[in-house]
Amino acid sequence: MSFAASSVGSGARSTRRAFEFGRTYVVRPKGKHQATIVWLHGLGDNGSSWSQLLETLPLPNIKWICPTAPTQPISIFGGFPSTAWFDVGDLSEDAPDDLEGLDASATHVANLLSTEPADIKLGVGGFSMGAATALYSATCFTVGKYGNGSPYPANLCAAVGLSGWLPCAKTLSNKLQGVDEATRRAQTFPILLCHGQGDDVVPYKFGEKSSKCLSSTGFQDVTFKDYNGLGHYTIPEEMDEVCSWLTTKLGLEGNAA
């Protein structure tokens, strides 16, 4: 990896990492197109597997965009390359956030949504590391800028995170403070978090703490659903929850049953 953190200070960096995103899979709406959601896969996966699952959901008014993350060396794997939205050293409370990787992936998400028609509601969601990236995108939208300070362009309407966590949780309240527009957006932005109590990859407490962090920093429409015995995967009951929540929050036509 060509990226090396510079010791000169936060403003200095050596060569920037090049992020080459993989193939994007699109699931077209079967009914009237009302919403477009970018859905992000987990570590080591690709957009194809989720597009196949999302295709089966009773949500005819949603267009799903399922990109594939760049292949990059992953610290938690000892530098072994994998598809990942950002680098992760270890899953702990104090692990440093890969802001450059997060910003690159959040930018990719916003770019994928940039060509959607103006009257279409936009959302972002994901599983595991994809959920983390979706939540990071939601905080960028709320604050109005990426972590690097560039303006965030997409007008998001909802975010869904399954078996994930909230990156940059410690700095979120500072970013939101004193920005009236950000405070207002946080109050009305809907977020659904689902987590299995038996998750042995991303511990359940991470999902629970992420939910509490969002609520305590001013997000007033956070729904947290836990599933007894569920590990690091998804089940039909959870996807049913996602369907009914999206139908309600995005005001979709048709029956979610």
Protein backbone atom coordinates (compact mmCIF):
# COMPACT_ATOMS: atom_id res chain seq x y z
CA MET A 1 0.00 0.00 0.00
CA SER A 2 1.43 3.33 -1.02
CA PHE A 3 -0.32 5.32 1.68
CA ALA A 4 1.75 6.22 4.72
CA ALA A 5 0.56 8.48 7.50
CA SER A 6 2.73 11.54 7.68
CA SER A 7 4.17 12.65 10.99
CA VAL A 8 4.23 16.29 9.88
CA GLY A 9 0.64 16.85 10.94
CA SER A 10 -2.87 16.20 9.73
CA GLY A 11 -2.55 18.52 6.75
CA ALA A 12 0.33 16.57 5.25
CA ARG A 13 0.16 13.18 3.64
CA SER A 14 2.34 11.19 1.35
CA THR A 15 0.90 9.69 -1.82
CA ARG A 16 -2.87 9.40 -1.87
CA ARG A 17 -4.30 5.94 -2.18
CA ALA A 18 -5.92 5.06 -5.47
CA PHE A 19 -9.37 3.50 -5.02
CA GLU A 20 -10.63 1.40 -7.90
CA PHE A 21 -14.21 0.37 -7.30
CA GLY A 22 -15.45 -2.90 -8.73
CA ARG A 23 -18.54 -3.73 -10.74
CA THR A 24 -21.90 -2.17 -9.92
CA TYR A 25 -25.06 -4.28 -10.06
CA VAL A 26 -28.46 -2.59 -10.52
CA VAL A 27 -31.89 -3.97 -9.63
CA ARG A 28 -34.52 -2.06 -11.61
CA PRO A 29 -37.87 -1.19 -9.99
CA LYS A 30 -40.69 -3.51 -11.03
CA GLY A 31 -43.31 -0.80 -10.45
CA LYS A 32 -43.30 3.00 -10.40
CA HIS A 33 -39.80 4.26 -9.56
CA GLN A 34 -40.07 6.25 -6.32
CA ALA A 35 -36.78 5.67 -4.52
CA THR A 36 -33.19 4.70 -5.26
CA ILE A 37 -31.04 3.07 -2.59
CA VAL A 38 -27.33 2.32 -2.79
CA TRP A 39 -26.73 -0.92 -0.87
CA LEU A 40 -23.21 -1.76 0.33
CA HIS A 41 -21.91 -5.28 0.90
CA GLY A 42 -19.70 -6.51 3.74
CA LEU A 43 -15.95 -7.17 3.88
CA GLY A 44 -14.77 -9.61 1.20
CA ASP A 45 -18.12 -9.71 -0.60
CA ASN A 46 -19.31 -8.02 -3.82
CA GLY A 47 -22.38 -6.26 -5.12
CA SER A 48 -23.76 -9.31 -6.89
CA SER A 49 -24.80 -11.36 -3.85
CA TRP A 50 -26.87 -8.55 -2.32
CA SER A 51 -28.44 -7.58 -5.65
CA GLN A 52 -29.79 -11.14 -5.90
CA LEU A 53 -31.34 -10.91 -2.43
CA LEU A 54 -32.75 -7.39 -2.91
CA GLU A 55 -34.31 -8.49 -6.21
CA THR A 56 -36.60 -10.82 -4.22
CA LEU A 57 -37.95 -8.19 -1.82
CA PRO A 58 -41.56 -6.96 -2.16
CA LEU A 59 -40.44 -3.38 -2.84
CA PRO A 60 -41.46 -2.74 -6.46
CA ASN A 61 -40.90 1.03 -6.26
CA ILE A 62 -37.21 0.89 -5.30
CA LYS A 63 -34.23 0.85 -7.64
CA TRP A 64 -31.26 -0.78 -5.90
CA ILE A 65 -27.67 0.09 -6.80
CA CYS A 66 -25.17 -2.47 -5.47
CA PRO A 67 -21.56 -1.39 -6.06
CA THR A 68 -18.48 -3.51 -5.36
CA ALA A 69 -15.81 -2.12 -3.04
CA PRO A 70 -12.18 -1.66 -4.10
CA THR A 71 -9.75 -4.50 -3.44
CA GLN A 72 -7.18 -3.16 -0.98
CA PRO A 73 -4.78 -4.45 1.69
CA ILE A 74 -6.61 -4.90 4.99
CA SER A 75 -4.76 -4.41 8.27
CA ILE A 76 -6.99 -6.83 10.21
CA PHE A 77 -5.93 -9.52 7.69
CA GLY A 78 -2.25 -8.64 8.08
CA GLY A 79 -2.25 -6.65 4.84
CA PHE A 80 -3.91 -9.39 2.76
CA PRO A 81 -6.07 -7.76 0.05
CA SER A 82 -9.85 -7.97 0.15
CA THR A 83 -12.84 -6.04 -1.16
CA ALA A 84 -13.44 -3.37 1.48
CA TRP A 85 -14.97 0.09 1.69
CA PHE A 86 -12.15 1.23 3.99
CA ASP A 87 -9.25 -0.25 5.92
CA VAL A 88 -9.94 -1.70 9.34
CA GLY A 89 -7.22 -2.45 11.89
CA ASP A 90 -9.31 -4.15 14.53
CA LEU A 91 -12.89 -4.09 15.67
CA SER A 92 -12.58 -2.28 18.97
CA GLU A 93 -13.86 0.91 20.54
CA ASP A 94 -10.55 2.68 20.07
CA ALA A 95 -9.61 1.50 16.59
CA PRO A 96 -8.60 4.45 14.37
CA ASP A 97 -10.99 5.35 11.56
CA ASP A 98 -9.67 5.22 7.99
CA LEU A 99 -11.06 8.63 7.03
CA GLU A 100 -9.51 8.62 3.57
CA GLY A 101 -11.11 5.27 2.74
CA LEU A 102 -14.45 6.28 4.28
CA ASP A 103 -14.51 9.54 2.32
CA ALA A 104 -13.63 7.75 -0.93
CA SER A 105 -16.47 5.25 -0.47
CA ALA A 106 -18.98 7.90 0.66
CA THR A 107 -18.02 9.91 -2.46
CA HIS A 108 -18.61 6.82 -4.62
CA VAL A 109 -22.08 6.40 -3.08
CA ALA A 110 -22.96 10.07 -3.70
CA ASN A 111 -21.69 9.79 -7.30
CA LEU A 112 -23.90 6.74 -7.92
CA LEU A 113 -26.92 8.73 -6.71
CA SER A 114 -26.01 11.94 -8.58
CA THR A 115 -27.73 10.97 -11.84
CA GLU A 116 -31.07 9.99 -10.29
CA PRO A 117 -34.11 12.12 -11.21
CA ALA A 118 -34.86 15.07 -8.89
CA ASP A 119 -38.19 13.66 -7.67
CA ILE A 120 -36.70 10.31 -6.58
CA LYS A 121 -36.02 9.75 -2.88
CA LEU A 122 -32.45 8.69 -2.18
CA GLY A 123 -31.24 6.28 0.47
CA VAL A 124 -28.20 4.31 1.52
CA GLY A 125 -27.90 1.01 3.35
CA GLY A 126 -25.60 -1.90 3.89
CA PHE A 127 -24.42 -4.91 5.83
CA SER A 128 -21.51 -4.99 8.30
CA MET A 129 -18.71 -2.80 6.89
CA GLY A 130 -21.24 -1.68 4.27
CA ALA A 131 -23.57 -0.62 7.09
CA ALA A 132 -20.71 1.37 8.64
CA THR A 133 -20.12 3.12 5.31
CA ALA A 134 -23.86 3.82 4.94
CA LEU A 135 -23.99 5.37 8.43
CA TYR A 136 -20.87 7.40 7.68
CA SER A 137 -22.55 8.66 4.49
CA ALA A 138 -25.60 9.62 6.56
CA THR A 139 -23.47 11.66 8.97
CA CYS A 140 -21.72 13.37 6.02
CA PHE A 141 -25.13 14.32 4.63
CA THR A 142 -26.25 15.61 8.03
CA VAL A 143 -23.11 17.68 8.64
CA GLY A 144 -23.11 18.79 4.99
CA LYS A 145 -19.54 17.75 4.26
CA TYR A 146 -17.18 14.80 4.10
CA GLY A 147 -14.54 14.18 6.74
CA ASN A 148 -12.02 16.04 4.56
CA GLY A 149 -14.22 19.15 4.52
CA SER A 150 -15.49 18.92 0.93
CA PRO A 151 -19.23 19.62 0.57
CA TYR A 152 -21.49 16.55 0.55
CA PRO A 153 -23.74 16.72 -2.55
CA ALA A 154 -26.45 14.05 -2.20
CA ASN A 155 -29.81 14.71 -0.56
CA LEU A 156 -30.31 11.52 1.43
CA CYS A 157 -33.73 10.58 2.82
CA ALA A 158 -32.96 7.45 4.87
CA ALA A 159 -30.21 5.05 5.99
CA VAL A 160 -30.27 1.37 6.94
CA GLY A 161 -27.50 -0.50 8.75
CA LEU A 162 -27.54 -4.25 9.35
CA SER A 163 -24.93 -5.81 11.69
CA GLY A 164 -22.77 -2.69 11.51
CA TRP A 165 -21.34 0.17 13.53
CA LEU A 166 -20.96 3.94 13.39
CA PRO A 167 -17.51 5.15 12.27
CA CYS A 168 -16.12 8.38 13.78
CA ALA A 169 -18.66 8.18 16.61
CA LYS A 170 -16.42 10.08 19.03
CA THR A 171 -16.26 13.21 16.85
CA LEU A 172 -19.88 13.28 15.68
CA SER A 173 -21.31 15.59 18.32
CA ASN A 174 -18.51 18.14 17.76
CA LYS A 175 -19.23 18.15 14.03
CA LEU A 176 -22.95 18.73 14.58
CA GLN A 177 -22.63 21.42 17.25
CA GLY A 178 -23.28 24.98 16.23
CA VAL A 179 -24.46 24.12 12.73
CA ASP A 180 -28.20 24.87 12.69
CA GLU A 181 -28.78 23.12 9.38
CA ALA A 182 -27.01 19.98 10.62
CA THR A 183 -29.03 19.95 13.84
CA ARG A 184 -32.26 20.29 11.87
CA ARG A 185 -31.30 17.51 9.46
CA ALA A 186 -30.33 15.18 12.33
CA GLN A 187 -33.72 15.68 13.98
CA THR A 188 -35.67 14.47 10.95
CA PHE A 189 -33.34 11.96 9.27
CA PRO A 190 -34.62 8.37 9.68
CA ILE A 191 -32.15 5.58 10.46
CA LEU A 192 -32.88 1.86 10.92
CA LEU A 193 -30.29 -0.28 12.70
CA CYS A 194 -30.67 -4.06 13.04
CA HIS A 195 -28.26 -6.33 14.91
CA GLY A 196 -28.12 -9.95 15.98
CA GLN A 197 -27.44 -10.62 19.66
CA GLY A 198 -25.33 -13.61 18.65
CA ASP A 199 -23.08 -11.67 16.24
CA ASP A 200 -19.52 -12.98 16.69
CA VAL A 201 -17.95 -10.69 14.03
CA VAL A 202 -19.32 -7.22 14.79
CA PRO A 203 -20.34 -7.49 18.47
CA TYR A 204 -23.94 -6.67 19.33
CA LYS A 205 -22.78 -3.95 21.74
CA PHE A 206 -21.29 -2.03 18.78
CA GLY A 207 -24.70 -1.79 17.14
CA GLU A 208 -26.35 -0.85 20.41
CA LYS A 209 -23.72 1.82 21.19
CA SER A 210 -24.00 3.23 17.66
CA SER A 211 -27.75 3.62 18.12
CA LYS A 212 -27.27 5.37 21.47
CA CYS A 213 -24.57 7.64 20.04
CA LEU A 214 -26.82 8.74 17.17
CA SER A 215 -29.72 9.40 19.55
CA SER A 216 -27.56 11.33 22.01
CA THR A 217 -26.13 13.57 19.26
CA GLY A 218 -29.56 14.69 18.09
CA PHE A 219 -30.82 12.03 15.67
CA GLN A 220 -34.44 11.71 16.80
CA ASP A 221 -35.69 9.10 14.34
CA VAL A 222 -33.43 6.12 15.07
CA THR A 223 -34.99 2.66 15.18
CA PHE A 224 -32.91 -0.13 16.72
CA LYS A 225 -34.04 -3.73 16.27
CA ASP A 226 -32.24 -6.63 17.88
CA TYR A 227 -32.63 -10.30 17.05
CA ASN A 228 -32.12 -13.00 19.64
CA GLY A 229 -29.73 -15.72 18.46
CA LEU A 230 -28.94 -14.03 15.14
CA GLY A 231 -25.27 -14.18 14.11
CA HIS A 232 -23.41 -12.17 11.47
CA TYR A 233 -25.89 -12.76 8.65
CA THR A 234 -29.40 -11.72 7.71
CA ILE A 235 -32.71 -13.56 8.06
CA PRO A 236 -36.14 -13.11 6.38
CA GLU A 237 -37.61 -11.59 9.57
CA GLU A 238 -34.98 -8.86 9.47
CA MET A 239 -35.52 -8.15 5.76
CA ASP A 240 -39.29 -7.93 6.42
CA GLU A 241 -38.51 -5.20 8.96
CA VAL A 242 -36.38 -3.37 6.38
CA CYS A 243 -39.21 -3.58 3.82
CA SER A 244 -41.93 -2.23 6.10
CA TRP A 245 -39.63 0.49 7.51
CA LEU A 246 -38.57 1.71 4.05
CA THR A 247 -42.17 1.65 2.80
CA THR A 248 -43.24 3.85 5.72
CA LYS A 249 -40.26 6.23 5.88
CA LEU A 250 -40.00 6.77 2.12
CA GLY A 251 -43.78 6.93 1.63
CA LEU A 252 -43.76 4.18 -0.98
CA GLU A 253 -46.91 3.08 -2.74
CA GLY A 254 -48.09 -0.48 -2.59
CA ASN A 255 -48.20 -3.06 0.14
CA ALA A 256 -45.05 -4.10 2.02
CA ALA A 257 -46.63 -7.35 3.15
